[in-house]
Amino acid sequence: MAASRKRKADQISKDLLGPAPSNFPPIKRAKQELGTYTQQSTYKKTPSKASVEVDHMSPDSLHQALGSSRKSGGGASLSKRLPAAAMNKTQHRRKLTTGSGNAVEAHRAYLLNAHHGQVPFAGPMNTTQDHYAAVLEVEFRSTATPPTLFGQPTIHDPRPFDKPSQQGVVSKLDAEWGMDRQLDMVKRIKNTGHITGEHEQHLMDVVTEQRSGLADLYKTHGF
């Protein structure tokens, strides 16, 4: 009898905890709702004229029941109304939640635990709003890194970036533009009540701090 396949870390976590809370209200005019997947998908090119991809700032796979996807049940509808931020496509292809592999699956498992209030955050962790804010902070801090911006593996993300869609350096202009889209998204979910005004300010500070550090990051890595 063939040995059974090793279960992925994110699958194990979902089996234990259940999917992430997905109680985002229906949106009648999604394109007008700043920060949703549908609205952010209206961007066609980055400032450097690179292709755009829209990143769910909590992977939509975490919000689906185990064994389900955006193609089954109400998955597509949920995916369209979840908060998202547009970014340079190459940057998205290298993001730690994209694709597969041990590092990616472990990171998605960590995010699912955050959704369920199992990780620390800069503040109380008593409500689902606190939990969602914690997830967003983790996502923001994993978006503009040497792997995502320059394709340089690190000890925390050792994946080889050898596919054509993973090649090239993301311009600083595009990185800044993507962070501006993250700020749009934070305002959106504050308006729906899924984070509080206090969370909004903290998360905007996180993004702004990272944005201000981009010049040094590019200089340090020789770009």
N, C-alpha and C. Protein backbone atom coordinates (compact mmCIF):
# COMPACT_ATOMS: atom_id res chain seq x y z
N MET A 1 0.84 -1.20 0.00
CA MET A 1 0.00 0.00 0.00
C MET A 1 0.87 1.24 0.00
N ALA A 2 0.56 2.17 -0.87
CA ALA A 2 1.37 3.38 -0.96
C ALA A 2 1.21 4.24 0.30
N ALA A 3 2.29 4.91 0.68
CA ALA A 3 2.24 5.77 1.86
C ALA A 3 1.31 6.95 1.58
N SER A 4 0.56 7.36 2.58
CA SER A 4 -0.35 8.48 2.41
C SER A 4 0.44 9.77 2.29
N ARG A 5 -0.11 10.73 1.56
CA ARG A 5 0.57 12.01 1.39
C ARG A 5 0.54 12.79 2.68
N LYS A 6 1.63 13.48 2.94
CA LYS A 6 1.72 14.29 4.14
C LYS A 6 0.74 15.45 4.05
N ARG A 7 -0.04 15.65 5.10
CA ARG A 7 -1.03 16.72 5.10
C ARG A 7 -0.33 18.08 5.26
N LYS A 8 -0.86 19.06 4.57
CA LYS A 8 -0.28 20.39 4.60
C LYS A 8 -0.64 21.09 5.90
N ALA A 9 0.25 21.98 6.35
CA ALA A 9 0.06 22.67 7.62
C ALA A 9 -1.22 23.50 7.62
N ASP A 10 -1.54 24.16 6.51
CA ASP A 10 -2.75 24.98 6.48
C ASP A 10 -4.01 24.12 6.51
N GLN A 11 -3.96 22.93 5.91
CA GLN A 11 -5.09 22.01 5.95
C GLN A 11 -5.32 21.49 7.36
N ILE A 12 -4.25 21.17 8.04
CA ILE A 12 -4.35 20.67 9.42
C ILE A 12 -4.97 21.74 10.32
N SER A 13 -4.51 22.98 10.16
CA SER A 13 -5.03 24.07 10.98
C SER A 13 -6.51 24.32 10.71
N LYS A 14 -6.90 24.25 9.45
CA LYS A 14 -8.30 24.47 9.11
C LYS A 14 -9.18 23.35 9.65
N ASP A 15 -8.65 22.15 9.64
CA ASP A 15 -9.39 21.01 10.18
C ASP A 15 -9.61 21.18 11.68
N LEU A 16 -8.63 21.74 12.38
CA LEU A 16 -8.73 21.92 13.83
C LEU A 16 -9.58 23.14 14.20
N LEU A 17 -9.42 24.23 13.47
CA LEU A 17 -10.02 25.51 13.85
C LEU A 17 -11.27 25.87 13.06
N GLY A 18 -11.40 25.32 11.86
CA GLY A 18 -12.45 25.75 10.96
C GLY A 18 -11.96 26.89 10.09
N PRO A 19 -12.71 27.28 9.06
CA PRO A 19 -12.28 28.38 8.19
C PRO A 19 -12.29 29.71 8.93
N ALA A 20 -11.64 30.69 8.35
CA ALA A 20 -11.65 32.03 8.93
C ALA A 20 -13.05 32.63 8.85
N PRO A 21 -13.42 33.47 9.80
CA PRO A 21 -14.73 34.14 9.73
C PRO A 21 -14.86 34.91 8.42
N SER A 22 -16.02 34.79 7.78
CA SER A 22 -16.22 35.41 6.47
C SER A 22 -17.51 36.22 6.42
N ASN A 23 -17.87 36.83 7.52
CA ASN A 23 -19.16 37.51 7.59
C ASN A 23 -19.12 38.93 7.01
N PHE A 24 -18.57 39.03 5.80
CA PHE A 24 -18.59 40.32 5.13
C PHE A 24 -19.93 40.49 4.45
N PRO A 25 -20.56 41.63 4.60
CA PRO A 25 -21.92 41.82 4.09
C PRO A 25 -21.96 41.82 2.56
N PRO A 26 -23.11 41.44 1.99
CA PRO A 26 -23.24 41.52 0.52
C PRO A 26 -23.03 42.95 0.04
N ILE A 27 -22.47 43.08 -1.14
CA ILE A 27 -22.19 44.40 -1.71
C ILE A 27 -22.97 44.51 -3.02
N LYS A 28 -23.85 45.50 -3.10
CA LYS A 28 -24.66 45.66 -4.30
C LYS A 28 -23.85 46.23 -5.45
N ARG A 29 -22.95 47.15 -5.13
CA ARG A 29 -22.14 47.77 -6.18
C ARG A 29 -20.67 47.62 -5.78
N ALA A 30 -20.13 46.43 -5.98
CA ALA A 30 -18.79 46.12 -5.49
C ALA A 30 -17.72 47.06 -6.05
N LYS A 31 -17.90 47.51 -7.30
CA LYS A 31 -16.87 48.36 -7.91
C LYS A 31 -16.78 49.72 -7.22
N GLN A 32 -17.82 50.09 -6.51
CA GLN A 32 -17.80 51.37 -5.82
C GLN A 32 -17.29 51.24 -4.39
N GLU A 33 -17.09 50.02 -3.93
CA GLU A 33 -16.68 49.80 -2.55
C GLU A 33 -15.15 49.76 -2.46
N LEU A 34 -14.58 50.86 -2.02
CA LEU A 34 -13.13 51.00 -1.96
C LEU A 34 -12.49 49.87 -1.17
N GLY A 35 -11.56 49.19 -1.78
CA GLY A 35 -10.81 48.17 -1.06
C GLY A 35 -11.25 46.75 -1.29
N THR A 36 -12.38 46.52 -1.96
CA THR A 36 -12.80 45.15 -2.22
C THR A 36 -12.03 44.58 -3.41
N TYR A 37 -12.07 43.27 -3.55
CA TYR A 37 -11.37 42.61 -4.65
C TYR A 37 -11.86 43.14 -6.00
N THR A 38 -13.18 43.26 -6.14
CA THR A 38 -13.72 43.71 -7.42
C THR A 38 -13.29 45.12 -7.76
N GLN A 39 -13.33 46.01 -6.76
CA GLN A 39 -12.94 47.39 -7.03
C GLN A 39 -11.47 47.50 -7.36
N GLN A 40 -10.63 46.80 -6.61
CA GLN A 40 -9.20 46.89 -6.85
C GLN A 40 -8.82 46.28 -8.20
N SER A 41 -9.65 45.36 -8.72
CA SER A 41 -9.33 44.72 -9.99
C SER A 41 -9.54 45.65 -11.18
N THR A 42 -10.04 46.87 -10.92
CA THR A 42 -10.20 47.83 -12.02
C THR A 42 -8.86 48.44 -12.43
N TYR A 43 -7.82 48.29 -11.60
CA TYR A 43 -6.50 48.79 -11.98
C TYR A 43 -5.88 47.86 -13.02
N LYS A 44 -5.43 48.43 -14.12
CA LYS A 44 -4.91 47.61 -15.22
C LYS A 44 -3.39 47.57 -15.25
N LYS A 45 -2.73 48.67 -14.88
CA LYS A 45 -1.27 48.74 -14.93
C LYS A 45 -0.75 49.48 -13.70
N THR A 46 0.46 49.15 -13.28
CA THR A 46 1.12 49.88 -12.21
C THR A 46 1.71 51.17 -12.78
N PRO A 47 2.23 52.07 -11.95
CA PRO A 47 2.86 53.29 -12.48
C PRO A 47 4.02 53.01 -13.45
N SER A 48 4.71 51.86 -13.27
CA SER A 48 5.81 51.54 -14.18
C SER A 48 5.32 50.76 -15.41
N LYS A 49 3.99 50.65 -15.56
CA LYS A 49 3.35 49.96 -16.69
C LYS A 49 3.48 48.44 -16.60
N ALA A 50 3.75 47.92 -15.41
CA ALA A 50 3.79 46.49 -15.21
C ALA A 50 2.37 45.96 -15.00
N SER A 51 2.19 44.66 -15.17
CA SER A 51 0.89 44.05 -14.96
C SER A 51 0.50 44.10 -13.49
N VAL A 52 -0.80 44.16 -13.25
CA VAL A 52 -1.34 44.24 -11.90
C VAL A 52 -1.97 42.91 -11.51
N GLU A 53 -1.82 42.54 -10.26
CA GLU A 53 -2.57 41.42 -9.70
C GLU A 53 -3.19 41.91 -8.39
N VAL A 54 -4.35 41.37 -8.06
CA VAL A 54 -5.05 41.79 -6.85
C VAL A 54 -4.85 40.76 -5.76
N ASP A 55 -4.39 41.23 -4.62
CA ASP A 55 -4.04 40.34 -3.52
C ASP A 55 -5.09 40.43 -2.42
N HIS A 56 -5.73 39.31 -2.12
CA HIS A 56 -6.60 39.26 -0.95
C HIS A 56 -5.72 39.42 0.29
N MET A 57 -5.98 40.46 1.07
CA MET A 57 -5.12 40.72 2.21
C MET A 57 -5.46 39.87 3.42
N SER A 58 -6.25 38.89 3.21
CA SER A 58 -6.33 37.65 3.98
C SER A 58 -6.68 36.63 2.92
N PRO A 59 -5.83 35.65 2.64
CA PRO A 59 -6.06 34.74 1.51
C PRO A 59 -7.49 34.18 1.52
N ASP A 60 -8.17 34.30 0.38
CA ASP A 60 -9.56 33.86 0.37
C ASP A 60 -9.69 32.37 0.61
N SER A 61 -8.63 31.62 0.37
CA SER A 61 -8.68 30.18 0.65
C SER A 61 -8.91 29.90 2.12
N LEU A 62 -8.48 30.81 3.00
CA LEU A 62 -8.66 30.61 4.43
C LEU A 62 -10.13 30.73 4.84
N HIS A 63 -10.92 31.42 4.02
CA HIS A 63 -12.31 31.69 4.35
C HIS A 63 -13.25 30.62 3.80
N GLN A 64 -12.70 29.68 3.04
CA GLN A 64 -13.50 28.60 2.49
C GLN A 64 -13.43 27.38 3.41
N ALA A 65 -14.51 26.62 3.48
CA ALA A 65 -14.50 25.38 4.25
C ALA A 65 -13.46 24.42 3.68
N LEU A 66 -12.95 23.53 4.50
CA LEU A 66 -11.95 22.55 4.06
C LEU A 66 -12.48 21.77 2.86
N GLY A 67 -11.71 21.76 1.79
CA GLY A 67 -12.13 21.06 0.58
C GLY A 67 -12.89 21.93 -0.40
N SER A 68 -13.23 23.18 -0.01
CA SER A 68 -13.94 24.09 -0.90
C SER A 68 -12.97 25.11 -1.49
N SER A 69 -13.45 25.86 -2.45
CA SER A 69 -12.63 26.89 -3.09
C SER A 69 -13.53 28.00 -3.60
N ARG A 70 -12.92 29.00 -4.22
CA ARG A 70 -13.70 30.12 -4.76
C ARG A 70 -14.57 29.66 -5.92
N LYS A 71 -14.32 28.46 -6.44
CA LYS A 71 -15.10 27.95 -7.56
C LYS A 71 -16.29 27.10 -7.10
N SER A 72 -16.40 26.87 -5.80
CA SER A 72 -17.48 26.02 -5.32
C SER A 72 -18.38 26.79 -4.37
N GLY A 73 -19.66 26.47 -4.40
CA GLY A 73 -20.61 27.12 -3.50
C GLY A 73 -20.63 28.61 -3.71
N GLY A 74 -20.59 29.36 -2.61
CA GLY A 74 -20.59 30.82 -2.71
C GLY A 74 -19.20 31.40 -2.69
N GLY A 75 -18.21 30.58 -3.04
CA GLY A 75 -16.82 31.01 -2.95
C GLY A 75 -16.48 32.23 -3.78
N ALA A 76 -16.98 32.27 -5.01
CA ALA A 76 -16.65 33.40 -5.89
C ALA A 76 -17.22 34.70 -5.36
N SER A 77 -18.45 34.65 -4.87
CA SER A 77 -19.08 35.85 -4.31
C SER A 77 -18.32 36.35 -3.10
N LEU A 78 -17.91 35.44 -2.24
CA LEU A 78 -17.12 35.82 -1.07
C LEU A 78 -15.80 36.44 -1.49
N SER A 79 -15.14 35.81 -2.43
CA SER A 79 -13.83 36.27 -2.88
C SER A 79 -13.89 37.70 -3.39
N LYS A 80 -14.96 38.04 -4.11
CA LYS A 80 -15.08 39.37 -4.70
C LYS A 80 -15.27 40.47 -3.66
N ARG A 81 -15.85 40.14 -2.51
CA ARG A 81 -16.12 41.20 -1.55
C ARG A 81 -15.14 41.25 -0.39
N LEU A 82 -14.18 40.33 -0.37
CA LEU A 82 -13.15 40.40 0.66
C LEU A 82 -12.21 41.57 0.40
N PRO A 83 -11.66 42.18 1.43
CA PRO A 83 -10.69 43.26 1.26
C PRO A 83 -9.47 42.80 0.47
N ALA A 84 -8.98 43.67 -0.38
CA ALA A 84 -7.86 43.32 -1.24
C ALA A 84 -7.10 44.57 -1.63
N ALA A 85 -5.88 44.38 -2.11
CA ALA A 85 -5.05 45.50 -2.57
C ALA A 85 -4.37 45.11 -3.87
N ALA A 86 -4.41 46.01 -4.84
CA ALA A 86 -3.73 45.78 -6.10
C ALA A 86 -2.23 45.98 -5.92
N MET A 87 -1.45 45.20 -6.66
CA MET A 87 0.00 45.34 -6.60
C MET A 87 0.65 44.84 -7.88
N ASN A 88 1.93 45.10 -8.03
CA ASN A 88 2.72 44.59 -9.13
C ASN A 88 2.59 43.06 -9.18
N LYS A 89 2.33 42.51 -10.37
CA LYS A 89 2.06 41.08 -10.49
C LYS A 89 3.24 40.23 -10.04
N THR A 90 4.46 40.63 -10.38
CA THR A 90 5.64 39.87 -9.96
C THR A 90 5.74 39.82 -8.44
N GLN A 91 5.47 40.94 -7.81
CA GLN A 91 5.47 41.00 -6.35
C GLN A 91 4.45 40.02 -5.77
N HIS A 92 3.27 39.97 -6.36
CA HIS A 92 2.23 39.05 -5.88
C HIS A 92 2.64 37.60 -6.07
N ARG A 93 3.27 37.29 -7.21
CA ARG A 93 3.67 35.91 -7.49
C ARG A 93 4.68 35.40 -6.48
N ARG A 94 5.42 36.31 -5.86
CA ARG A 94 6.45 35.90 -4.89
C ARG A 94 5.98 36.03 -3.45
N LYS A 95 4.75 36.49 -3.23
CA LYS A 95 4.26 36.69 -1.88
C LYS A 95 4.14 35.36 -1.14
N LEU A 96 4.34 35.40 0.15
CA LEU A 96 4.44 34.16 0.94
C LEU A 96 3.14 33.37 0.98
N THR A 97 2.01 33.98 0.67
CA THR A 97 0.75 33.25 0.67
C THR A 97 0.39 32.70 -0.71
N THR A 98 1.22 32.96 -1.72
CA THR A 98 0.94 32.53 -3.09
C THR A 98 1.66 31.22 -3.40
N GLY A 99 0.94 30.29 -4.01
CA GLY A 99 1.56 29.04 -4.42
C GLY A 99 1.51 27.98 -3.35
N SER A 100 2.54 27.14 -3.34
CA SER A 100 2.58 26.03 -2.40
C SER A 100 4.00 25.84 -1.88
N GLY A 101 4.18 24.85 -1.04
CA GLY A 101 5.48 24.60 -0.42
C GLY A 101 5.38 24.77 1.08
N ASN A 102 6.34 24.23 1.80
CA ASN A 102 6.28 24.23 3.26
C ASN A 102 6.19 25.63 3.85
N ALA A 103 6.98 26.57 3.34
CA ALA A 103 6.98 27.93 3.89
C ALA A 103 5.62 28.61 3.69
N VAL A 104 5.07 28.46 2.49
CA VAL A 104 3.78 29.07 2.16
C VAL A 104 2.67 28.48 3.02
N GLU A 105 2.64 27.16 3.11
CA GLU A 105 1.56 26.50 3.84
C GLU A 105 1.65 26.78 5.34
N ALA A 106 2.86 26.87 5.86
CA ALA A 106 3.03 27.22 7.28
C ALA A 106 2.56 28.65 7.54
N HIS A 107 2.84 29.55 6.60
CA HIS A 107 2.42 30.94 6.77
C HIS A 107 0.90 31.06 6.72
N ARG A 108 0.26 30.34 5.80
CA ARG A 108 -1.20 30.38 5.76
C ARG A 108 -1.80 29.80 7.03
N ALA A 109 -1.16 28.77 7.58
CA ALA A 109 -1.64 28.21 8.85
C ALA A 109 -1.54 29.24 9.96
N TYR A 110 -0.45 30.00 9.97
CA TYR A 110 -0.27 31.06 10.97
C TYR A 110 -1.37 32.12 10.84
N LEU A 111 -1.68 32.52 9.60
CA LEU A 111 -2.72 33.51 9.39
C LEU A 111 -4.08 32.99 9.85
N LEU A 112 -4.35 31.72 9.60
CA LEU A 112 -5.62 31.16 10.05
C LEU A 112 -5.70 31.18 11.58
N ASN A 113 -4.59 30.87 12.23
CA ASN A 113 -4.57 30.96 13.70
C ASN A 113 -4.81 32.39 14.16
N ALA A 114 -4.28 33.36 13.42
CA ALA A 114 -4.52 34.76 13.76
C ALA A 114 -5.99 35.10 13.64
N HIS A 115 -6.64 34.59 12.60
CA HIS A 115 -8.07 34.83 12.43
C HIS A 115 -8.88 34.30 13.62
N HIS A 116 -8.36 33.29 14.26
CA HIS A 116 -9.05 32.68 15.39
C HIS A 116 -8.52 33.18 16.73
N GLY A 117 -7.74 34.26 16.69
CA GLY A 117 -7.29 34.89 17.92
C GLY A 117 -6.17 34.19 18.64
N GLN A 118 -5.37 33.43 17.90
CA GLN A 118 -4.34 32.62 18.52
C GLN A 118 -2.93 33.21 18.40
N VAL A 119 -2.81 34.45 17.93
CA VAL A 119 -1.48 35.07 17.82
C VAL A 119 -1.51 36.45 18.48
N PRO A 120 -0.37 36.96 18.92
CA PRO A 120 -0.33 38.27 19.57
C PRO A 120 -0.52 39.40 18.58
N PHE A 121 -0.98 40.52 19.09
CA PHE A 121 -1.19 41.71 18.27
C PHE A 121 -0.89 42.91 19.16
N ALA A 122 -0.66 44.05 18.55
CA ALA A 122 -0.34 45.25 19.31
C ALA A 122 -1.61 45.84 19.92
N GLY A 123 -2.20 45.10 20.83
CA GLY A 123 -3.44 45.53 21.45
C GLY A 123 -4.21 44.33 21.96
N PRO A 124 -5.43 44.51 22.41
CA PRO A 124 -6.23 43.40 22.94
C PRO A 124 -6.59 42.41 21.84
N MET A 125 -6.83 41.16 22.22
CA MET A 125 -7.25 40.12 21.27
C MET A 125 -8.53 39.49 21.79
N ASN A 126 -9.56 40.31 21.93
CA ASN A 126 -10.80 39.86 22.54
C ASN A 126 -11.94 39.68 21.55
N THR A 127 -11.86 40.28 20.39
CA THR A 127 -12.97 40.27 19.44
C THR A 127 -12.49 39.84 18.06
N THR A 128 -13.44 39.50 17.18
CA THR A 128 -13.06 39.16 15.81
C THR A 128 -12.45 40.35 15.09
N GLN A 129 -12.81 41.56 15.49
CA GLN A 129 -12.18 42.75 14.92
C GLN A 129 -10.69 42.79 15.27
N ASP A 130 -10.38 42.48 16.52
CA ASP A 130 -8.96 42.42 16.93
C ASP A 130 -8.23 41.37 16.11
N HIS A 131 -8.87 40.23 15.91
CA HIS A 131 -8.23 39.13 15.19
C HIS A 131 -7.96 39.51 13.74
N TYR A 132 -8.95 40.14 13.10
CA TYR A 132 -8.77 40.51 11.69
C TYR A 132 -7.66 41.54 11.54
N ALA A 133 -7.60 42.48 12.49
CA ALA A 133 -6.53 43.47 12.45
C ALA A 133 -5.16 42.82 12.57
N ALA A 134 -5.08 41.78 13.40
CA ALA A 134 -3.81 41.06 13.56
C ALA A 134 -3.39 40.40 12.25
N VAL A 135 -4.36 39.80 11.56
CA VAL A 135 -4.06 39.17 10.27
C VAL A 135 -3.54 40.20 9.28
N LEU A 136 -4.18 41.34 9.23
CA LEU A 136 -3.77 42.37 8.28
C LEU A 136 -2.36 42.87 8.57
N GLU A 137 -2.01 43.01 9.83
CA GLU A 137 -0.66 43.46 10.15
C GLU A 137 0.37 42.44 9.65
N VAL A 138 0.11 41.18 9.88
CA VAL A 138 1.03 40.14 9.39
C VAL A 138 1.15 40.22 7.87
N GLU A 139 0.01 40.37 7.18
CA GLU A 139 0.02 40.43 5.73
C GLU A 139 0.79 41.65 5.22
N PHE A 140 0.55 42.80 5.82
CA PHE A 140 1.26 44.01 5.40
C PHE A 140 2.77 43.84 5.55
N ARG A 141 3.19 43.24 6.65
CA ARG A 141 4.63 43.11 6.92
C ARG A 141 5.28 42.04 6.05
N SER A 142 4.49 41.19 5.41
CA SER A 142 5.07 40.16 4.55
C SER A 142 4.97 40.51 3.07
N THR A 143 4.49 41.72 2.77
CA THR A 143 4.29 42.10 1.38
C THR A 143 5.52 42.76 0.75
N ALA A 144 6.19 43.62 1.50
CA ALA A 144 7.36 44.34 0.97
C ALA A 144 8.62 43.84 1.66
N THR A 145 9.14 42.72 1.16
CA THR A 145 10.31 42.06 1.73
C THR A 145 11.32 41.78 0.62
N PRO A 146 12.56 41.42 0.96
CA PRO A 146 13.52 41.06 -0.10
C PRO A 146 13.00 39.96 -1.04
N PRO A 147 12.32 38.92 -0.55
CA PRO A 147 11.78 37.95 -1.51
C PRO A 147 10.73 38.55 -2.45
N THR A 148 9.78 39.32 -1.92
CA THR A 148 8.71 39.83 -2.78
C THR A 148 9.18 40.94 -3.70
N LEU A 149 10.08 41.80 -3.25
CA LEU A 149 10.50 42.94 -4.06
C LEU A 149 11.66 42.62 -5.00
N PHE A 150 12.59 41.78 -4.54
CA PHE A 150 13.81 41.56 -5.31
C PHE A 150 14.01 40.11 -5.76
N GLY A 151 13.16 39.21 -5.27
CA GLY A 151 13.33 37.79 -5.61
C GLY A 151 14.50 37.16 -4.91
N GLN A 152 14.87 37.68 -3.75
CA GLN A 152 16.00 37.16 -3.00
C GLN A 152 15.51 36.31 -1.83
N PRO A 153 15.70 35.00 -1.86
CA PRO A 153 15.25 34.15 -0.76
C PRO A 153 15.92 34.54 0.55
N THR A 154 15.23 34.32 1.64
CA THR A 154 15.77 34.57 2.98
C THR A 154 15.59 33.32 3.82
N ILE A 155 16.12 33.34 5.03
CA ILE A 155 16.00 32.19 5.92
C ILE A 155 14.53 31.92 6.26
N HIS A 156 13.70 32.96 6.27
CA HIS A 156 12.28 32.79 6.58
C HIS A 156 11.45 32.43 5.36
N ASP A 157 11.98 32.71 4.18
CA ASP A 157 11.28 32.40 2.93
C ASP A 157 12.30 31.91 1.92
N PRO A 158 12.72 30.64 2.06
CA PRO A 158 13.84 30.13 1.25
C PRO A 158 13.45 29.63 -0.14
N ARG A 159 12.24 29.90 -0.57
CA ARG A 159 11.80 29.38 -1.87
C ARG A 159 12.67 29.90 -3.02
N PRO A 160 13.00 29.05 -4.00
CA PRO A 160 13.68 29.54 -5.21
C PRO A 160 12.67 30.20 -6.14
N PHE A 161 12.99 31.39 -6.62
CA PHE A 161 12.08 32.10 -7.51
C PHE A 161 12.59 31.95 -8.94
N ASP A 162 12.29 30.81 -9.54
CA ASP A 162 12.89 30.48 -10.82
C ASP A 162 11.90 30.46 -11.98
N LYS A 163 10.62 30.75 -11.72
CA LYS A 163 9.66 30.78 -12.82
C LYS A 163 9.72 32.15 -13.51
N PRO A 164 9.39 32.20 -14.80
CA PRO A 164 9.41 33.50 -15.51
C PRO A 164 8.55 34.56 -14.82
N SER A 165 7.42 34.15 -14.25
CA SER A 165 6.53 35.11 -13.59
C SER A 165 7.07 35.62 -12.27
N GLN A 166 8.20 35.03 -11.83
CA GLN A 166 8.79 35.42 -10.55
C GLN A 166 10.09 36.19 -10.72
N GLN A 167 10.43 36.54 -11.95
CA GLN A 167 11.71 37.18 -12.23
C GLN A 167 11.60 38.70 -12.22
N GLY A 168 12.70 39.35 -11.86
CA GLY A 168 12.77 40.79 -11.96
C GLY A 168 12.59 41.51 -10.64
N VAL A 169 13.08 42.75 -10.61
CA VAL A 169 12.97 43.59 -9.43
C VAL A 169 11.73 44.47 -9.56
N VAL A 170 10.94 44.54 -8.51
CA VAL A 170 9.78 45.42 -8.48
C VAL A 170 10.27 46.85 -8.24
N SER A 171 9.86 47.77 -9.08
CA SER A 171 10.33 49.15 -8.93
C SER A 171 9.82 49.74 -7.62
N LYS A 172 10.60 50.64 -7.06
CA LYS A 172 10.20 51.31 -5.82
C LYS A 172 8.89 52.06 -6.02
N LEU A 173 8.70 52.63 -7.21
CA LEU A 173 7.47 53.34 -7.51
C LEU A 173 6.27 52.41 -7.42
N ASP A 174 6.41 51.20 -7.94
CA ASP A 174 5.32 50.22 -7.87
C ASP A 174 5.07 49.76 -6.44
N ALA A 175 6.15 49.57 -5.69
CA ALA A 175 6.00 49.15 -4.29
C ALA A 175 5.23 50.19 -3.50
N GLU A 176 5.55 51.46 -3.73
CA GLU A 176 4.83 52.55 -3.05
C GLU A 176 3.37 52.58 -3.47
N TRP A 177 3.12 52.39 -4.75
CA TRP A 177 1.76 52.40 -5.28
C TRP A 177 0.93 51.28 -4.63
N GLY A 178 1.53 50.09 -4.50
CA GLY A 178 0.82 48.99 -3.86
C GLY A 178 0.48 49.29 -2.41
N MET A 179 1.37 49.97 -1.72
CA MET A 179 1.10 50.34 -0.33
C MET A 179 -0.03 51.37 -0.25
N ASP A 180 -0.11 52.24 -1.23
CA ASP A 180 -1.23 53.18 -1.26
C ASP A 180 -2.55 52.43 -1.43
N ARG A 181 -2.55 51.37 -2.20
CA ARG A 181 -3.76 50.55 -2.35
C ARG A 181 -4.10 49.83 -1.04
N GLN A 182 -3.08 49.49 -0.25
CA GLN A 182 -3.33 48.90 1.06
C GLN A 182 -4.02 49.91 1.97
N LEU A 183 -3.60 51.15 1.91
CA LEU A 183 -4.24 52.19 2.72
C LEU A 183 -5.70 52.36 2.31
N ASP A 184 -5.99 52.29 1.01
CA ASP A 184 -7.37 52.32 0.54
C ASP A 184 -8.19 51.21 1.19
N MET A 185 -7.59 50.03 1.23
CA MET A 185 -8.29 48.86 1.74
C MET A 185 -8.59 48.99 3.23
N VAL A 186 -7.64 49.55 3.99
CA VAL A 186 -7.85 49.73 5.43
C VAL A 186 -9.07 50.62 5.68
N LYS A 187 -9.20 51.68 4.90
CA LYS A 187 -10.36 52.57 5.05
C LYS A 187 -11.65 51.82 4.75
N ARG A 188 -11.61 50.98 3.76
CA ARG A 188 -12.80 50.22 3.37
C ARG A 188 -13.30 49.33 4.51
N ILE A 189 -12.43 48.55 5.09
CA ILE A 189 -12.93 47.61 6.10
C ILE A 189 -13.24 48.29 7.42
N LYS A 190 -12.68 49.46 7.65
CA LYS A 190 -13.10 50.21 8.82
C LYS A 190 -14.54 50.66 8.64
N ASN A 191 -14.89 51.08 7.43
CA ASN A 191 -16.24 51.56 7.15
C ASN A 191 -17.28 50.46 7.27
N THR A 192 -16.91 49.21 7.07
CA THR A 192 -17.86 48.11 7.21
C THR A 192 -17.92 47.58 8.63
N GLY A 193 -17.07 48.09 9.51
CA GLY A 193 -17.11 47.67 10.90
C GLY A 193 -16.30 46.44 11.22
N HIS A 194 -15.51 45.97 10.28
CA HIS A 194 -14.73 44.76 10.54
C HIS A 194 -13.42 45.03 11.26
N ILE A 195 -13.03 46.30 11.32
CA ILE A 195 -11.99 46.74 12.24
C ILE A 195 -12.49 48.05 12.84
N THR A 196 -11.91 48.45 13.94
CA THR A 196 -12.31 49.69 14.59
C THR A 196 -11.45 50.85 14.12
N GLY A 197 -11.81 52.06 14.54
CA GLY A 197 -10.99 53.22 14.22
C GLY A 197 -9.59 53.11 14.80
N GLU A 198 -9.48 52.50 15.97
CA GLU A 198 -8.16 52.30 16.58
C GLU A 198 -7.32 51.35 15.74
N HIS A 199 -7.94 50.28 15.27
CA HIS A 199 -7.23 49.36 14.38
C HIS A 199 -6.81 50.07 13.10
N GLU A 200 -7.72 50.86 12.54
CA GLU A 200 -7.43 51.57 11.30
C GLU A 200 -6.17 52.42 11.47
N GLN A 201 -6.09 53.18 12.54
CA GLN A 201 -4.94 54.04 12.74
C GLN A 201 -3.66 53.24 12.89
N HIS A 202 -3.72 52.15 13.65
CA HIS A 202 -2.53 51.31 13.84
C HIS A 202 -2.07 50.72 12.51
N LEU A 203 -3.00 50.19 11.72
CA LEU A 203 -2.63 49.55 10.46
C LEU A 203 -2.12 50.57 9.44
N MET A 204 -2.70 51.74 9.42
CA MET A 204 -2.20 52.78 8.52
C MET A 204 -0.80 53.21 8.93
N ASP A 205 -0.54 53.23 10.23
CA ASP A 205 0.82 53.55 10.71
C ASP A 205 1.80 52.46 10.27
N VAL A 206 1.37 51.19 10.31
CA VAL A 206 2.24 50.09 9.89
C VAL A 206 2.61 50.24 8.42
N VAL A 207 1.61 50.48 7.58
CA VAL A 207 1.87 50.62 6.14
C VAL A 207 2.73 51.86 5.86
N THR A 208 2.41 52.96 6.51
CA THR A 208 3.16 54.20 6.30
C THR A 208 4.62 54.04 6.72
N GLU A 209 4.84 53.35 7.84
CA GLU A 209 6.21 53.10 8.30
C GLU A 209 6.98 52.27 7.28
N GLN A 210 6.35 51.24 6.76
CA GLN A 210 7.03 50.41 5.76
C GLN A 210 7.29 51.19 4.47
N ARG A 211 6.35 52.03 4.10
CA ARG A 211 6.51 52.82 2.89
C ARG A 211 7.70 53.78 3.03
N SER A 212 7.84 54.37 4.20
CA SER A 212 8.94 55.32 4.41
C SER A 212 10.29 54.62 4.46
N GLY A 213 10.29 53.32 4.72
CA GLY A 213 11.55 52.58 4.78
C GLY A 213 11.98 51.96 3.47
N LEU A 214 11.19 52.15 2.42
CA LEU A 214 11.50 51.51 1.14
C LEU A 214 12.82 51.99 0.55
N ALA A 215 13.10 53.28 0.65
CA ALA A 215 14.34 53.82 0.06
C ALA A 215 15.56 53.14 0.64
N ASP A 216 15.59 52.99 1.97
CA ASP A 216 16.72 52.33 2.62
C ASP A 216 16.77 50.85 2.24
N LEU A 217 15.61 50.21 2.12
CA LEU A 217 15.57 48.79 1.77
C LEU A 217 16.15 48.56 0.38
N TYR A 218 15.77 49.40 -0.57
CA TYR A 218 16.29 49.26 -1.94
C TYR A 218 17.79 49.55 -1.96
N LYS A 219 18.24 50.55 -1.23
CA LYS A 219 19.65 50.90 -1.20
C LYS A 219 20.47 49.78 -0.57
N THR A 220 19.99 49.22 0.53
CA THR A 220 20.69 48.14 1.23
C THR A 220 20.90 46.93 0.32
N HIS A 221 19.90 46.65 -0.54
CA HIS A 221 19.98 45.47 -1.39
C HIS A 221 20.52 45.79 -2.79
N GLY A 222 21.06 46.99 -2.94
CA GLY A 222 21.77 47.32 -4.19
C GLY A 222 20.91 47.70 -5.34
N PHE A 223 19.72 48.24 -5.07
CA PHE A 223 18.83 48.63 -6.17
C PHE A 223 18.47 50.10 -6.07
